[in-house]
Amino acid sequence: MRFQSPLRLLLFCLLVGAPAVALADGETPPHRSDLSDDDARLSYTEWLSKLQLAGLLGPQRGAGTGPSEVERESTGNGRAKLIVRGSVRLDIDVGSRRVTRFWNSVGFEALWTDQRRWERIYPRWTKEHALKRAQEVILLFLRSDDVVALQLRGRSPTFLETGDQRGIWEISWCKQLNGYPFERNGVEVALHEEYGLINFGSADISDDCPTRVELRRAEALKRAQELVNQAFSGLTWDTVAEGVLGLRQRELLWHPGLSNGSLIIVQPNAGFEEWGGVGAKLATTDRATRLAFVVDFDSKEGREAAPGNDAITVYVDAEDGRIIGGSWPPELGDYYRHR
């Protein structure tokens, strides 16, 4: 059974209903951890049937194999997911009970063991048809409000002609709000013309936020530079490598890239809290977001780039200019512990 349009598929979903562990459309559940292994197995079975009924699983060997194991794994921020494995893998977020990943291990194994996988093939589908099929996938897995947030605007589908993933179409979406992209929100779909859905992955769809920009980009870069100068003063590559305070080389100079300072909707965090960062206070939920100038820094020592130290990122709030988080590589964390 194949659907002629995403709208018909959406009507189908409404008539059939969600799996037993799914939420009603638009419902925001309390954070819970009582999703049982039996619930996860039931969800696995029902999702597999739903995908087969929607024509999104091709002729697979052993596709009817039930769930063989359930594993609980922490995903950070006090959250967890259940991983159910059988002929496919299904990841279910314990708090929201939403599917965050589907992996067709049977279909991928068939591709990986294909002796002709290095022979180039050409697609039978058009890009428009591949995009439509991918839209059917996200209409099944995502809540309707999240689908609206993604606006069904996928990047141009990419077809892989050779290799272990020969014959796969890859399509991805990124949530946007008033033209500003979300840093960590998106959906990826991989479809094979014969084996159907190979992979679905979904990051959390975060809450919307105000998109007022009151700060100039030049001022955001200045504030980020001042913060990095303060936080990483006296730092050399030897300092990072050895975890000591004795400095034997010139200090590293941190420079923002020329194309830096992009406006992106981010999730505030506790980064740079010691130097006045307020991101931890703004992260009231794991879906909270703010529009920020995202400034990345490269490190140079003399004229040579310092190895491994080019990943300092600072979030500068676009509305009030406060530092609302950021990140740096693990080796710089070692430097902090020895300051």
C-alpha atoms as a PDB file:
ATOM      1  CA  MET A   1       0.000   0.000   0.000  1.00  0.00           C
ATOM      2  CA  ARG A   2       1.487   3.338  -1.066  1.00  0.00           C
ATOM      3  CA  PHE A   3       0.150   6.808  -0.413  1.00  0.00           C
ATOM      4  CA  GLN A   4      -0.156   9.287  -3.257  1.00  0.00           C
ATOM      5  CA  SER A   5       0.464  12.337  -1.095  1.00  0.00           C
ATOM      6  CA  PRO A   6       1.676  13.309   2.402  1.00  0.00           C
ATOM      7  CA  LEU A   7      -1.838  14.620   3.137  1.00  0.00           C
ATOM      8  CA  ARG A   8      -3.376  11.195   2.567  1.00  0.00           C
ATOM      9  CA  LEU A   9      -0.730   9.663   4.803  1.00  0.00           C
ATOM     10  CA  LEU A  10      -1.508  12.170   7.546  1.00  0.00           C
ATOM     11  CA  LEU A  11      -5.222  11.283   7.316  1.00  0.00           C
ATOM     12  CA  PHE A  12      -4.237   7.622   7.523  1.00  0.00           C
ATOM     13  CA  CYS A  13      -2.243   8.274  10.695  1.00  0.00           C
ATOM     14  CA  LEU A  14      -5.184  10.036  12.285  1.00  0.00           C
ATOM     15  CA  LEU A  15      -7.541   7.172  11.454  1.00  0.00           C
ATOM     16  CA  VAL A  16      -5.219   4.368  12.521  1.00  0.00           C
ATOM     17  CA  GLY A  17      -3.952   6.158  15.598  1.00  0.00           C
ATOM     18  CA  ALA A  18      -0.525   6.188  17.193  1.00  0.00           C
ATOM     19  CA  PRO A  19       1.198   3.175  18.732  1.00  0.00           C
ATOM     20  CA  ALA A  20       0.293   2.271  22.282  1.00  0.00           C
ATOM     21  CA  VAL A  21       3.124   4.246  23.837  1.00  0.00           C
ATOM     22  CA  ALA A  22       2.739   7.324  21.640  1.00  0.00           C
ATOM     23  CA  LEU A  23       1.267  10.606  22.839  1.00  0.00           C
ATOM     24  CA  ALA A  24      -1.844  12.295  21.624  1.00  0.00           C
ATOM     25  CA  ASP A  25      -1.034  14.941  19.027  1.00  0.00           C
ATOM     26  CA  GLY A  26       0.385  18.054  20.605  1.00  0.00           C
ATOM     27  CA  GLU A  27       0.440  16.600  24.110  1.00  0.00           C
ATOM     28  CA  THR A  28       3.393  17.573  26.261  1.00  0.00           C
ATOM     29  CA  PRO A  29       3.996  14.841  28.841  1.00  0.00           C
ATOM     30  CA  PRO A  30       5.570  15.285  32.251  1.00  0.00           C
ATOM     31  CA  HIS A  31       9.136  14.056  32.448  1.00  0.00           C
ATOM     32  CA  ARG A  32       8.755  10.414  33.394  1.00  0.00           C
ATOM     33  CA  SER A  33      10.915   7.327  33.480  1.00  0.00           C
ATOM     34  CA  ASP A  34       8.244   4.636  33.733  1.00  0.00           C
ATOM     35  CA  LEU A  35       8.380   3.425  30.129  1.00  0.00           C
ATOM     36  CA  SER A  36       8.711  -0.305  30.616  1.00  0.00           C
ATOM     37  CA  ASP A  37      10.563  -2.794  28.460  1.00  0.00           C
ATOM     38  CA  ASP A  38       7.222  -4.379  27.551  1.00  0.00           C
ATOM     39  CA  ASP A  39       5.899  -0.985  26.419  1.00  0.00           C
ATOM     40  CA  ALA A  40       8.958  -0.553  24.240  1.00  0.00           C
ATOM     41  CA  ARG A  41       8.542  -4.018  22.690  1.00  0.00           C
ATOM     42  CA  LEU A  42       4.891  -3.294  21.931  1.00  0.00           C
ATOM     43  CA  SER A  43       5.810   0.013  20.351  1.00  0.00           C
ATOM     44  CA  TYR A  44       8.442  -1.736  18.232  1.00  0.00           C
ATOM     45  CA  THR A  45       5.928  -4.252  16.885  1.00  0.00           C
ATOM     46  CA  GLU A  46       3.312  -1.613  16.121  1.00  0.00           C
ATOM     47  CA  TRP A  47       5.775   0.744  14.420  1.00  0.00           C
ATOM     48  CA  LEU A  48       7.039  -2.077  12.211  1.00  0.00           C
ATOM     49  CA  SER A  49       3.467  -2.915  11.179  1.00  0.00           C
ATOM     50  CA  LYS A  50       2.697   0.752  10.527  1.00  0.00           C
ATOM     51  CA  LEU A  51       5.752   1.188   8.293  1.00  0.00           C
ATOM     52  CA  GLN A  52       4.948  -1.969   6.355  1.00  0.00           C
ATOM     53  CA  LEU A  53       1.347  -0.856   5.895  1.00  0.00           C
ATOM     54  CA  ALA A  54       2.525   2.521   4.626  1.00  0.00           C
ATOM     55  CA  GLY A  55       4.723   0.812   2.048  1.00  0.00           C
ATOM     56  CA  LEU A  56       7.891   2.225   3.598  1.00  0.00           C
ATOM     57  CA  LEU A  57       9.593  -1.133   4.162  1.00  0.00           C
ATOM     58  CA  GLY A  58      10.607  -3.079   1.091  1.00  0.00           C
ATOM     59  CA  PRO A  59      10.936  -6.852   0.722  1.00  0.00           C
ATOM     60  CA  GLN A  60      13.229  -7.631   3.657  1.00  0.00           C
ATOM     61  CA  ARG A  61      14.578 -10.906   4.821  1.00  0.00           C
ATOM     62  CA  GLY A  62      13.393 -11.522   8.361  1.00  0.00           C
ATOM     63  CA  ALA A  63      11.381  -8.305   8.502  1.00  0.00           C
ATOM     64  CA  GLY A  64       8.866  -9.960  10.770  1.00  0.00           C
ATOM     65  CA  THR A  65      11.425 -10.727  13.462  1.00  0.00           C
ATOM     66  CA  GLY A  66      10.205  -9.410  16.802  1.00  0.00           C
ATOM     67  CA  PRO A  67      12.229  -7.398  19.302  1.00  0.00           C
ATOM     68  CA  SER A  68      15.001  -9.504  20.798  1.00  0.00           C
ATOM     69  CA  GLU A  69      16.480  -7.105  23.365  1.00  0.00           C
ATOM     70  CA  VAL A  70      15.786  -3.817  25.124  1.00  0.00           C
ATOM     71  CA  GLU A  71      18.553  -1.566  26.431  1.00  0.00           C
ATOM     72  CA  ARG A  72      18.243   1.594  28.538  1.00  0.00           C
ATOM     73  CA  GLU A  73      20.767   4.364  27.819  1.00  0.00           C
ATOM     74  CA  SER A  74      21.274   7.841  29.283  1.00  0.00           C
ATOM     75  CA  THR A  75      21.119  10.729  26.798  1.00  0.00           C
ATOM     76  CA  GLY A  76      22.189  13.505  29.217  1.00  0.00           C
ATOM     77  CA  ASN A  77      20.226  16.232  31.016  1.00  0.00           C
ATOM     78  CA  GLY A  78      18.638  13.557  33.205  1.00  0.00           C
ATOM     79  CA  ARG A  79      16.978  11.927  30.199  1.00  0.00           C
ATOM     80  CA  ALA A  80      17.118   8.383  28.887  1.00  0.00           C
ATOM     81  CA  LYS A  81      16.051   6.317  25.917  1.00  0.00           C
ATOM     82  CA  LEU A  82      15.129   2.694  25.361  1.00  0.00           C
ATOM     83  CA  ILE A  83      16.819   0.951  22.444  1.00  0.00           C
ATOM     84  CA  VAL A  84      14.838  -1.968  21.033  1.00  0.00           C
ATOM     85  CA  ARG A  85      16.634  -4.318  18.642  1.00  0.00           C
ATOM     86  CA  GLY A  86      15.275  -6.972  16.340  1.00  0.00           C
ATOM     87  CA  SER A  87      15.279  -6.965  12.553  1.00  0.00           C
ATOM     88  CA  VAL A  88      15.362  -3.187  12.960  1.00  0.00           C
ATOM     89  CA  ARG A  89      16.490  -0.838  15.745  1.00  0.00           C
ATOM     90  CA  LEU A  90      14.101   1.613  17.381  1.00  0.00           C
ATOM     91  CA  ASP A  91      15.185   4.314  19.871  1.00  0.00           C
ATOM     92  CA  ILE A  92      12.398   5.683  22.084  1.00  0.00           C
ATOM     93  CA  ASP A  93      12.836   8.732  24.322  1.00  0.00           C
ATOM     94  CA  VAL A  94      11.645   7.743  27.806  1.00  0.00           C
ATOM     95  CA  GLY A  95      10.296  11.185  28.726  1.00  0.00           C
ATOM     96  CA  SER A  96       8.367  12.065  25.566  1.00  0.00           C
ATOM     97  CA  ARG A  97       7.880   8.486  24.324  1.00  0.00           C
ATOM     98  CA  ARG A  98       8.787   9.638  20.837  1.00  0.00           C
ATOM     99  CA  VAL A  99      10.844   7.660  18.343  1.00  0.00           C
ATOM    100  CA  THR A 100      14.179   9.423  17.869  1.00  0.00           C
ATOM    101  CA  ARG A 101      15.830   6.859  15.630  1.00  0.00           C
ATOM    102  CA  PHE A 102      14.929   3.993  13.307  1.00  0.00           C
ATOM    103  CA  TRP A 103      17.667   1.816  11.807  1.00  0.00           C
ATOM    104  CA  ASN A 104      16.879  -0.899   9.268  1.00  0.00           C
ATOM    105  CA  SER A 105      19.718  -3.310  10.051  1.00  0.00           C
ATOM    106  CA  VAL A 106      18.329  -6.002   7.741  1.00  0.00           C
ATOM    107  CA  GLY A 107      18.144  -3.661   4.766  1.00  0.00           C
ATOM    108  CA  PHE A 108      21.578  -2.183   5.434  1.00  0.00           C
ATOM    109  CA  GLU A 109      23.148  -5.628   5.792  1.00  0.00           C
ATOM    110  CA  ALA A 110      21.728  -6.565   2.397  1.00  0.00           C
ATOM    111  CA  LEU A 111      23.413  -3.503   0.897  1.00  0.00           C
ATOM    112  CA  TRP A 112      26.688  -4.076   2.732  1.00  0.00           C
ATOM    113  CA  THR A 113      26.969  -7.694   1.551  1.00  0.00           C
ATOM    114  CA  ASP A 114      25.985  -6.949  -2.049  1.00  0.00           C
ATOM    115  CA  GLN A 115      28.945  -8.086  -4.178  1.00  0.00           C
ATOM    116  CA  ARG A 116      28.046  -5.444  -6.778  1.00  0.00           C
ATOM    117  CA  ARG A 117      28.105  -2.532  -4.349  1.00  0.00           C
ATOM    118  CA  TRP A 118      31.086  -0.852  -6.084  1.00  0.00           C
ATOM    119  CA  GLU A 119      29.359  -0.894  -9.445  1.00  0.00           C
ATOM    120  CA  ARG A 120      27.782   2.462 -10.193  1.00  0.00           C
ATOM    121  CA  ILE A 121      24.004   2.538 -10.476  1.00  0.00           C
ATOM    122  CA  TYR A 122      21.615   5.308 -11.411  1.00  0.00           C
ATOM    123  CA  PRO A 123      18.370   6.264  -9.654  1.00  0.00           C
ATOM    124  CA  ARG A 124      14.973   5.210 -10.843  1.00  0.00           C
ATOM    125  CA  TRP A 125      13.224   7.782  -8.660  1.00  0.00           C
ATOM    126  CA  THR A 126      13.215  11.471  -9.371  1.00  0.00           C
ATOM    127  CA  LYS A 127      14.364  13.880  -6.656  1.00  0.00           C
ATOM    128  CA  GLU A 128      10.752  15.016  -6.270  1.00  0.00           C
ATOM    129  CA  HIS A 129       9.579  11.454  -5.631  1.00  0.00           C
ATOM    130  CA  ALA A 130      12.384  10.787  -3.135  1.00  0.00           C
ATOM    131  CA  LEU A 131      11.461  13.962  -1.241  1.00  0.00           C
ATOM    132  CA  LYS A 132       7.786  12.966  -1.182  1.00  0.00           C
ATOM    133  CA  ARG A 133       8.608   9.538   0.224  1.00  0.00           C
ATOM    134  CA  ALA A 134      10.786  11.131   2.894  1.00  0.00           C
ATOM    135  CA  GLN A 135       7.922  13.450   3.805  1.00  0.00           C
ATOM    136  CA  GLU A 136       5.744  10.401   4.360  1.00  0.00           C
ATOM    137  CA  VAL A 137       8.325   9.108   6.832  1.00  0.00           C
ATOM    138  CA  ILE A 138       8.426  12.255   8.958  1.00  0.00           C
ATOM    139  CA  LEU A 139       4.633  12.502   8.943  1.00  0.00           C
ATOM    140  CA  LEU A 140       4.590   9.085  10.581  1.00  0.00           C
ATOM    141  CA  PHE A 141       7.288   9.712  13.180  1.00  0.00           C
ATOM    142  CA  LEU A 142       6.836  13.370  14.152  1.00  0.00           C
ATOM    143  CA  ARG A 143       4.020  15.248  15.829  1.00  0.00           C
ATOM    144  CA  SER A 144       2.071  17.557  13.516  1.00  0.00           C
ATOM    145  CA  ASP A 145       3.354  20.733  15.215  1.00  0.00           C
ATOM    146  CA  ASP A 146       6.934  19.599  14.695  1.00  0.00           C
ATOM    147  CA  VAL A 147       6.191  18.847  11.038  1.00  0.00           C
ATOM    148  CA  VAL A 148       4.846  22.374  10.647  1.00  0.00           C
ATOM    149  CA  ALA A 149       8.008  23.725  12.304  1.00  0.00           C
ATOM    150  CA  LEU A 150      10.141  21.911   9.734  1.00  0.00           C
ATOM    151  CA  GLN A 151       7.816  23.199   6.977  1.00  0.00           C
ATOM    152  CA  LEU A 152       8.601  20.049   4.962  1.00  0.00           C
ATOM    153  CA  ARG A 153      11.437  21.933   3.292  1.00  0.00           C
ATOM    154  CA  GLY A 154      14.122  19.356   2.752  1.00  0.00           C
ATOM    155  CA  ARG A 155      17.519  19.934   1.260  1.00  0.00           C
ATOM    156  CA  SER A 156      17.865  18.594  -2.247  1.00  0.00           C
ATOM    157  CA  PRO A 157      17.925  14.786  -1.961  1.00  0.00           C
ATOM    158  CA  THR A 158      21.303  13.159  -2.541  1.00  0.00           C
ATOM    159  CA  PHE A 159      21.593   9.793  -4.304  1.00  0.00           C
ATOM    160  CA  LEU A 160      24.550   7.506  -3.484  1.00  0.00           C
ATOM    161  CA  GLU A 161      25.642   5.679  -6.628  1.00  0.00           C
ATOM    162  CA  THR A 162      28.322   3.331  -5.260  1.00  0.00           C
ATOM    163  CA  GLY A 163      29.651   1.835  -2.036  1.00  0.00           C
ATOM    164  CA  ASP A 164      28.106   0.261   1.055  1.00  0.00           C
ATOM    165  CA  GLN A 165      25.100   2.597   0.816  1.00  0.00           C
ATOM    166  CA  ARG A 166      24.613   2.271  -2.932  1.00  0.00           C
ATOM    167  CA  GLY A 167      21.092   3.134  -3.997  1.00  0.00           C
ATOM    168  CA  ILE A 168      20.236   5.220  -0.907  1.00  0.00           C
ATOM    169  CA  TRP A 169      18.577   8.619  -1.069  1.00  0.00           C
ATOM    170  CA  GLU A 170      19.549  10.970   1.769  1.00  0.00           C
ATOM    171  CA  ILE A 171      17.256  13.866   2.738  1.00  0.00           C
ATOM    172  CA  SER A 172      17.542  16.194   5.735  1.00  0.00           C
ATOM    173  CA  TRP A 173      15.560  19.039   7.277  1.00  0.00           C
ATOM    174  CA  CYS A 174      16.506  21.824   9.645  1.00  0.00           C
ATOM    175  CA  LYS A 175      13.945  23.722  11.677  1.00  0.00           C
ATOM    176  CA  GLN A 176      13.900  27.492  11.091  1.00  0.00           C
ATOM    177  CA  LEU A 177      12.078  30.371  12.750  1.00  0.00           C
ATOM    178  CA  ASN A 178      11.701  33.699  10.936  1.00  0.00           C
ATOM    179  CA  GLY A 179      14.616  32.718   8.731  1.00  0.00           C
ATOM    180  CA  TYR A 180      16.970  31.761  11.589  1.00  0.00           C
ATOM    181  CA  PRO A 181      18.123  28.113  11.743  1.00  0.00           C
ATOM    182  CA  PHE A 182      18.069  26.034  14.928  1.00  0.00           C
ATOM    183  CA  GLU A 183      21.470  24.687  15.885  1.00  0.00           C
ATOM    184  CA  ARG A 184      20.450  21.221  17.070  1.00  0.00           C
ATOM    185  CA  ASN A 185      17.027  20.631  15.533  1.00  0.00           C
ATOM    186  CA  GLY A 186      16.672  18.501  12.494  1.00  0.00           C
ATOM    187  CA  VAL A 187      15.588  15.302  10.829  1.00  0.00           C
ATOM    188  CA  GLU A 188      17.519  12.925   8.591  1.00  0.00           C
ATOM    189  CA  VAL A 189      15.954  10.263   6.377  1.00  0.00           C
ATOM    190  CA  ALA A 190      17.701   7.601   4.281  1.00  0.00           C
ATOM    191  CA  LEU A 191      15.561   5.685   1.781  1.00  0.00           C
ATOM    192  CA  HIS A 192      16.445   2.867  -0.600  1.00  0.00           C
ATOM    193  CA  GLU A 193      14.434   2.327  -3.754  1.00  0.00           C
ATOM    194  CA  GLU A 194      14.179  -1.426  -3.082  1.00  0.00           C
ATOM    195  CA  TYR A 195      14.590  -1.863   0.699  1.00  0.00           C
ATOM    196  CA  GLY A 196      12.566   1.179   1.745  1.00  0.00           C
ATOM    197  CA  LEU A 197      13.379   3.127   4.892  1.00  0.00           C
ATOM    198  CA  ILE A 198      16.975   2.522   5.998  1.00  0.00           C
ATOM    199  CA  ASN A 199      17.415   5.236   8.607  1.00  0.00           C
ATOM    200  CA  PHE A 200      15.417   7.926  10.405  1.00  0.00           C
ATOM    201  CA  GLY A 201      17.003  10.217  12.960  1.00  0.00           C
ATOM    202  CA  SER A 202      15.411  13.114  14.809  1.00  0.00           C
ATOM    203  CA  ALA A 203      16.923  15.590  17.223  1.00  0.00           C
ATOM    204  CA  ASP A 204      14.569  17.177  19.737  1.00  0.00           C
ATOM    205  CA  ILE A 205      12.414  19.905  18.229  1.00  0.00           C
ATOM    206  CA  SER A 206      13.018  22.774  20.638  1.00  0.00           C
ATOM    207  CA  ASP A 207      10.653  25.528  21.659  1.00  0.00           C
ATOM    208  CA  ASP A 208      10.448  28.775  19.712  1.00  0.00           C
ATOM    209  CA  CYS A 209      11.941  31.964  21.121  1.00  0.00           C
ATOM    210  CA  PRO A 210      11.885  35.723  20.424  1.00  0.00           C
ATOM    211  CA  THR A 211      13.918  36.646  17.331  1.00  0.00           C
ATOM    212  CA  ARG A 212      14.583  40.318  18.080  1.00  0.00           C
ATOM    213  CA  VAL A 213      18.128  41.448  17.257  1.00  0.00           C
ATOM    214  CA  GLU A 214      19.178  44.459  19.334  1.00  0.00           C
ATOM    215  CA  LEU A 215      22.946  43.839  19.282  1.00  0.00           C
ATOM    216  CA  ARG A 216      25.262  44.642  16.406  1.00  0.00           C
ATOM    217  CA  ARG A 217      27.414  41.820  15.073  1.00  0.00           C
ATOM    218  CA  ALA A 218      30.594  43.819  15.666  1.00  0.00           C
ATOM    219  CA  GLU A 219      29.670  44.274  19.334  1.00  0.00           C
ATOM    220  CA  ALA A 220      28.914  40.538  19.664  1.00  0.00           C
ATOM    221  CA  LEU A 221      32.334  39.677  18.249  1.00  0.00           C
ATOM    222  CA  LYS A 222      33.962  42.162  20.631  1.00  0.00           C
ATOM    223  CA  ARG A 223      32.243  40.692  23.694  1.00  0.00           C
ATOM    224  CA  ALA A 224      33.099  37.149  22.650  1.00  0.00           C
ATOM    225  CA  GLN A 225      36.729  38.127  22.078  1.00  0.00           C
ATOM    226  CA  GLU A 226      36.964  39.777  25.491  1.00  0.00           C
ATOM    227  CA  LEU A 227      35.521  36.674  27.123  1.00  0.00           C
ATOM    228  CA  VAL A 228      37.946  34.315  25.397  1.00  0.00           C
ATOM    229  CA  ASN A 229      40.896  36.569  26.211  1.00  0.00           C
ATOM    230  CA  GLN A 230      39.863  36.504  29.863  1.00  0.00           C
ATOM    231  CA  ALA A 231      39.052  32.806  30.081  1.00  0.00           C
ATOM    232  CA  PHE A 232      42.087  31.525  28.194  1.00  0.00           C
ATOM    233  CA  SER A 233      44.749  34.089  29.102  1.00  0.00           C
ATOM    234  CA  GLY A 234      48.196  32.585  29.561  1.00  0.00           C
ATOM    235  CA  LEU A 235      47.320  29.427  27.674  1.00  0.00           C
ATOM    236  CA  THR A 236      49.822  27.704  25.370  1.00  0.00           C
ATOM    237  CA  TRP A 237      49.656  24.337  23.661  1.00  0.00           C
ATOM    238  CA  ASP A 238      52.238  23.013  26.178  1.00  0.00           C
ATOM    239  CA  THR A 239      49.932  24.120  28.984  1.00  0.00           C
ATOM    240  CA  VAL A 240      47.068  22.099  27.562  1.00  0.00           C
ATOM    241  CA  ALA A 241      49.151  19.029  26.734  1.00  0.00           C
ATOM    242  CA  GLU A 242      50.913  18.820  30.090  1.00  0.00           C
ATOM    243  CA  GLY A 243      48.204  20.236  32.354  1.00  0.00           C
ATOM    244  CA  VAL A 244      50.655  22.533  34.131  1.00  0.00           C
ATOM    245  CA  LEU A 245      50.854  26.246  34.797  1.00  0.00           C
ATOM    246  CA  GLY A 246      54.476  26.778  33.820  1.00  0.00           C
ATOM    247  CA  LEU A 247      54.508  28.559  30.460  1.00  0.00           C
ATOM    248  CA  ARG A 248      57.435  27.993  28.128  1.00  0.00           C
ATOM    249  CA  GLN A 249      56.039  29.404  24.878  1.00  0.00           C
ATOM    250  CA  ARG A 250      54.219  32.468  23.676  1.00  0.00           C
ATOM    251  CA  GLU A 251      50.566  32.721  24.568  1.00  0.00           C
ATOM    252  CA  LEU A 252      48.016  31.457  22.099  1.00  0.00           C
ATOM    253  CA  LEU A 253      46.162  34.157  20.195  1.00  0.00           C
ATOM    254  CA  TRP A 254      42.484  33.473  19.627  1.00  0.00           C
ATOM    255  CA  HIS A 255      40.885  34.885  16.474  1.00  0.00           C
ATOM    256  CA  PRO A 256      37.263  34.630  15.352  1.00  0.00           C
ATOM    257  CA  GLY A 257      36.862  33.486  11.757  1.00  0.00           C
ATOM    258  CA  LEU A 258      35.961  36.037   9.111  1.00  0.00           C
ATOM    259  CA  SER A 259      32.525  34.487   8.531  1.00  0.00           C
ATOM    260  CA  ASN A 260      31.754  34.184  12.237  1.00  0.00           C
ATOM    261  CA  GLY A 261      28.947  35.687  14.206  1.00  0.00           C
ATOM    262  CA  SER A 262      26.091  33.902  12.439  1.00  0.00           C
ATOM    263  CA  LEU A 263      22.669  34.304  14.015  1.00  0.00           C
ATOM    264  CA  ILE A 264      21.494  30.865  15.141  1.00  0.00           C
ATOM    265  CA  ILE A 265      18.846  29.691  17.597  1.00  0.00           C
ATOM    266  CA  VAL A 266      20.730  27.770  20.293  1.00  0.00           C
ATOM    267  CA  GLN A 267      20.052  25.990  23.552  1.00  0.00           C
ATOM    268  CA  PRO A 268      21.688  27.994  26.388  1.00  0.00           C
ATOM    269  CA  ASN A 269      24.117  26.095  28.602  1.00  0.00           C
ATOM    270  CA  ALA A 270      26.403  26.607  31.597  1.00  0.00           C
ATOM    271  CA  GLY A 271      29.489  27.350  29.520  1.00  0.00           C
ATOM    272  CA  PHE A 272      31.589  30.303  30.730  1.00  0.00           C
ATOM    273  CA  GLU A 273      29.494  30.624  33.886  1.00  0.00           C
ATOM    274  CA  GLU A 274      32.669  31.447  35.841  1.00  0.00           C
ATOM    275  CA  TRP A 275      33.096  34.540  33.662  1.00  0.00           C
ATOM    276  CA  GLY A 276      29.536  35.818  33.872  1.00  0.00           C
ATOM    277  CA  GLY A 277      27.730  33.425  31.543  1.00  0.00           C
ATOM    278  CA  VAL A 278      23.999  33.189  32.303  1.00  0.00           C
ATOM    279  CA  GLY A 279      23.064  30.267  30.061  1.00  0.00           C
ATOM    280  CA  ALA A 280      22.363  27.899  32.959  1.00  0.00           C
ATOM    281  CA  LYS A 281      19.682  30.276  34.290  1.00  0.00           C
ATOM    282  CA  LEU A 282      18.004  30.466  30.874  1.00  0.00           C
ATOM    283  CA  ALA A 283      17.980  26.690  30.344  1.00  0.00           C
ATOM    284  CA  THR A 284      14.751  26.298  32.298  1.00  0.00           C
ATOM    285  CA  THR A 285      13.794  23.246  30.226  1.00  0.00           C
ATOM    286  CA  ASP A 286      15.651  20.979  27.810  1.00  0.00           C
ATOM    287  CA  ARG A 287      13.691  22.645  24.968  1.00  0.00           C
ATOM    288  CA  ALA A 288      14.461  26.276  25.900  1.00  0.00           C
ATOM    289  CA  THR A 289      16.184  28.344  23.196  1.00  0.00           C
ATOM    290  CA  ARG A 290      17.563  31.828  22.487  1.00  0.00           C
ATOM    291  CA  LEU A 291      18.660  33.604  19.321  1.00  0.00           C
ATOM    292  CA  ALA A 292      22.400  34.217  19.549  1.00  0.00           C
ATOM    293  CA  PHE A 293      25.473  35.242  17.637  1.00  0.00           C
ATOM    294  CA  VAL A 294      27.543  32.058  17.469  1.00  0.00           C
ATOM    295  CA  VAL A 295      31.242  32.920  17.424  1.00  0.00           C
ATOM    296  CA  ASP A 296      33.896  30.258  16.763  1.00  0.00           C
ATOM    297  CA  PHE A 297      37.560  30.887  17.546  1.00  0.00           C
ATOM    298  CA  ASP A 298      40.731  29.534  15.975  1.00  0.00           C
ATOM    299  CA  SER A 299      43.960  29.465  17.957  1.00  0.00           C
ATOM    300  CA  LYS A 300      47.361  30.380  16.572  1.00  0.00           C
ATOM    301  CA  GLU A 301      50.785  30.410  18.154  1.00  0.00           C
ATOM    302  CA  GLY A 302      53.053  32.687  16.163  1.00  0.00           C
ATOM    303  CA  ARG A 303      52.203  31.841  12.575  1.00  0.00           C
ATOM    304  CA  GLU A 304      51.408  28.178  13.176  1.00  0.00           C
ATOM    305  CA  ALA A 305      48.011  26.872  14.192  1.00  0.00           C
ATOM    306  CA  ALA A 306      48.062  25.208  17.595  1.00  0.00           C
ATOM    307  CA  PRO A 307      46.959  21.575  17.167  1.00  0.00           C
ATOM    308  CA  GLY A 308      43.632  20.557  18.635  1.00  0.00           C
ATOM    309  CA  ASN A 309      42.700  23.992  19.945  1.00  0.00           C
ATOM    310  CA  ASP A 310      40.431  25.425  17.278  1.00  0.00           C
ATOM    311  CA  ALA A 311      36.999  24.689  18.675  1.00  0.00           C
ATOM    312  CA  ILE A 312      36.081  27.376  21.186  1.00  0.00           C
ATOM    313  CA  THR A 313      32.505  28.527  20.611  1.00  0.00           C
ATOM    314  CA  VAL A 314      30.760  31.418  22.366  1.00  0.00           C
ATOM    315  CA  TYR A 315      27.029  32.196  22.383  1.00  0.00           C
ATOM    316  CA  VAL A 316      26.228  35.925  22.618  1.00  0.00           C
ATOM    317  CA  ASP A 317      22.525  36.717  23.113  1.00  0.00           C
ATOM    318  CA  ALA A 318      21.283  38.701  20.112  1.00  0.00           C
ATOM    319  CA  GLU A 319      18.823  40.730  22.191  1.00  0.00           C
ATOM    320  CA  ASP A 320      20.729  41.780  25.308  1.00  0.00           C
ATOM    321  CA  GLY A 321      24.357  40.815  24.607  1.00  0.00           C
ATOM    322  CA  ARG A 322      24.783  38.454  27.546  1.00  0.00           C
ATOM    323  CA  ILE A 323      26.972  35.356  27.257  1.00  0.00           C
ATOM    324  CA  ILE A 324      24.549  32.434  27.282  1.00  0.00           C
ATOM    325  CA  GLY A 325      26.921  29.498  26.883  1.00  0.00           C
ATOM    326  CA  GLY A 326      29.286  27.869  24.486  1.00  0.00           C
ATOM    327  CA  SER A 327      31.777  25.031  24.297  1.00  0.00           C
ATOM    328  CA  TRP A 328      35.461  24.143  24.127  1.00  0.00           C
ATOM    329  CA  PRO A 329      37.468  20.950  23.551  1.00  0.00           C
ATOM    330  CA  PRO A 330      38.072  18.498  26.419  1.00  0.00           C
ATOM    331  CA  GLU A 331      41.793  19.286  26.641  1.00  0.00           C
ATOM    332  CA  LEU A 332      40.956  22.867  27.621  1.00  0.00           C
ATOM    333  CA  GLY A 333      38.901  21.458  30.465  1.00  0.00           C
ATOM    334  CA  ASP A 334      42.118  19.883  31.748  1.00  0.00           C
ATOM    335  CA  TYR A 335      43.679  23.344  31.682  1.00  0.00           C
ATOM    336  CA  TYR A 336      40.832  24.737  33.814  1.00  0.00           C
ATOM    337  CA  ARG A 337      41.317  22.053  36.439  1.00  0.00           C
ATOM    338  CA  HIS A 338      44.959  23.029  36.846  1.00  0.00           C
ATOM    339  CA  ARG A 339      44.473  26.789  37.006  1.00  0.00           C
END
